[in-house]
Amino acid sequence: MKVFLIATIICLIIIVLFLGTILGILFIFKDNKDFCLDSGICTQGQLINTQYGTIEINERNCLKYNWIWNEKQQYCKLK
């Protein structure tokens, strides 16, 4: 009985840690403008200031400025 309870608690801890990690990664890629500016990977819809002025990240602008557009994941690689 105690072994089952301990195993259940360990499984729950692992699940919580896994979900926290996934949510953390999603937060970084979806909402973190600092990540965009630091890494050069910006998701669709973000507004950024560039040498060309303020632009919205989308496929058209990404290709217009000769950056790399990832259609599957909807992001632009600026660097």
Protein backbone atom coordinates (compact mmCIF):
# COMPACT_ATOMS: atom_id res chain seq x y z
CA MET A 1 0.00 0.00 0.00
CA LYS A 2 2.78 2.46 0.92
CA VAL A 3 4.71 1.58 -2.26
CA PHE A 4 1.65 2.31 -4.40
CA LEU A 5 1.12 5.66 -2.65
CA ILE A 6 4.77 6.65 -3.10
CA ALA A 7 4.71 5.60 -6.78
CA THR A 8 1.54 7.63 -7.33
CA ILE A 9 3.06 10.72 -5.72
CA ILE A 10 6.23 10.38 -7.79
CA CYS A 11 4.15 10.05 -10.98
CA LEU A 12 2.17 13.15 -10.10
CA ILE A 13 5.35 15.12 -9.42
CA ILE A 14 6.78 14.05 -12.78
CA ILE A 15 3.57 15.05 -14.58
CA VAL A 16 3.52 18.47 -12.90
CA LEU A 17 7.18 19.09 -13.76
CA PHE A 18 6.61 18.00 -17.36
CA LEU A 19 3.58 20.26 -17.80
CA GLY A 20 5.43 23.16 -16.20
CA THR A 21 8.30 22.72 -18.62
CA ILE A 22 6.00 22.59 -21.63
CA LEU A 23 4.08 25.68 -20.51
CA GLY A 24 7.36 27.50 -19.86
CA ILE A 25 8.59 26.74 -23.37
CA LEU A 26 5.30 27.88 -24.89
CA PHE A 27 5.48 31.11 -22.90
CA ILE A 28 8.99 31.81 -24.16
CA PHE A 29 8.08 31.24 -27.79
CA LYS A 30 4.69 32.90 -27.82
CA ASP A 31 4.88 35.88 -25.49
CA ASN A 32 8.46 36.80 -24.79
CA LYS A 33 9.61 39.74 -26.89
CA ASP A 34 13.02 39.61 -25.19
CA PHE A 35 13.52 36.08 -26.53
CA CYS A 36 12.65 37.36 -30.00
CA LEU A 37 15.14 40.20 -29.79
CA ASP A 38 17.90 38.08 -28.21
CA SER A 39 17.62 35.02 -30.44
CA GLY A 40 16.26 36.55 -33.63
CA ILE A 41 13.38 34.05 -33.68
CA CYS A 42 10.10 35.96 -33.63
CA THR A 43 6.61 34.50 -33.83
CA GLN A 44 3.88 35.75 -36.11
CA GLY A 45 2.04 38.81 -34.85
CA GLN A 46 4.84 40.30 -32.76
CA LEU A 47 5.66 43.97 -33.31
CA ILE A 48 9.37 44.72 -33.31
CA ASN A 49 11.49 47.79 -33.92
CA THR A 50 14.10 47.28 -36.63
CA GLN A 51 16.37 49.43 -38.74
CA TYR A 52 13.43 49.56 -41.17
CA GLY A 53 11.06 50.88 -38.49
CA THR A 54 8.35 49.08 -36.53
CA ILE A 55 7.13 46.00 -38.35
CA GLU A 56 4.73 43.17 -37.59
CA ILE A 57 6.18 39.70 -37.92
CA ASN A 58 4.36 37.82 -40.67
CA GLU A 59 5.31 35.84 -43.75
CA ARG A 60 5.13 38.80 -46.12
CA ASN A 61 7.37 41.08 -44.03
CA CYS A 62 9.77 38.27 -43.19
CA LEU A 63 10.38 37.49 -46.85
CA LYS A 64 10.35 41.18 -47.80
CA TYR A 65 13.41 41.83 -45.62
CA ASN A 66 15.15 38.61 -46.73
CA TRP A 67 14.72 36.85 -43.41
CA ILE A 68 13.83 33.16 -43.10
CA TRP A 69 10.15 32.24 -42.65
CA ASN A 70 9.12 28.91 -41.06
CA GLU A 71 5.64 28.16 -42.40
CA LYS A 72 5.03 25.13 -40.21
CA GLN A 73 5.76 26.88 -36.89
CA GLN A 74 4.82 30.41 -38.01
CA TYR A 75 7.99 32.23 -37.01
CA CYS A 76 10.62 34.37 -38.67
CA LYS A 77 14.37 34.02 -38.15
CA LEU A 78 15.82 37.51 -38.31
CA LYS A 79 19.52 36.67 -37.91
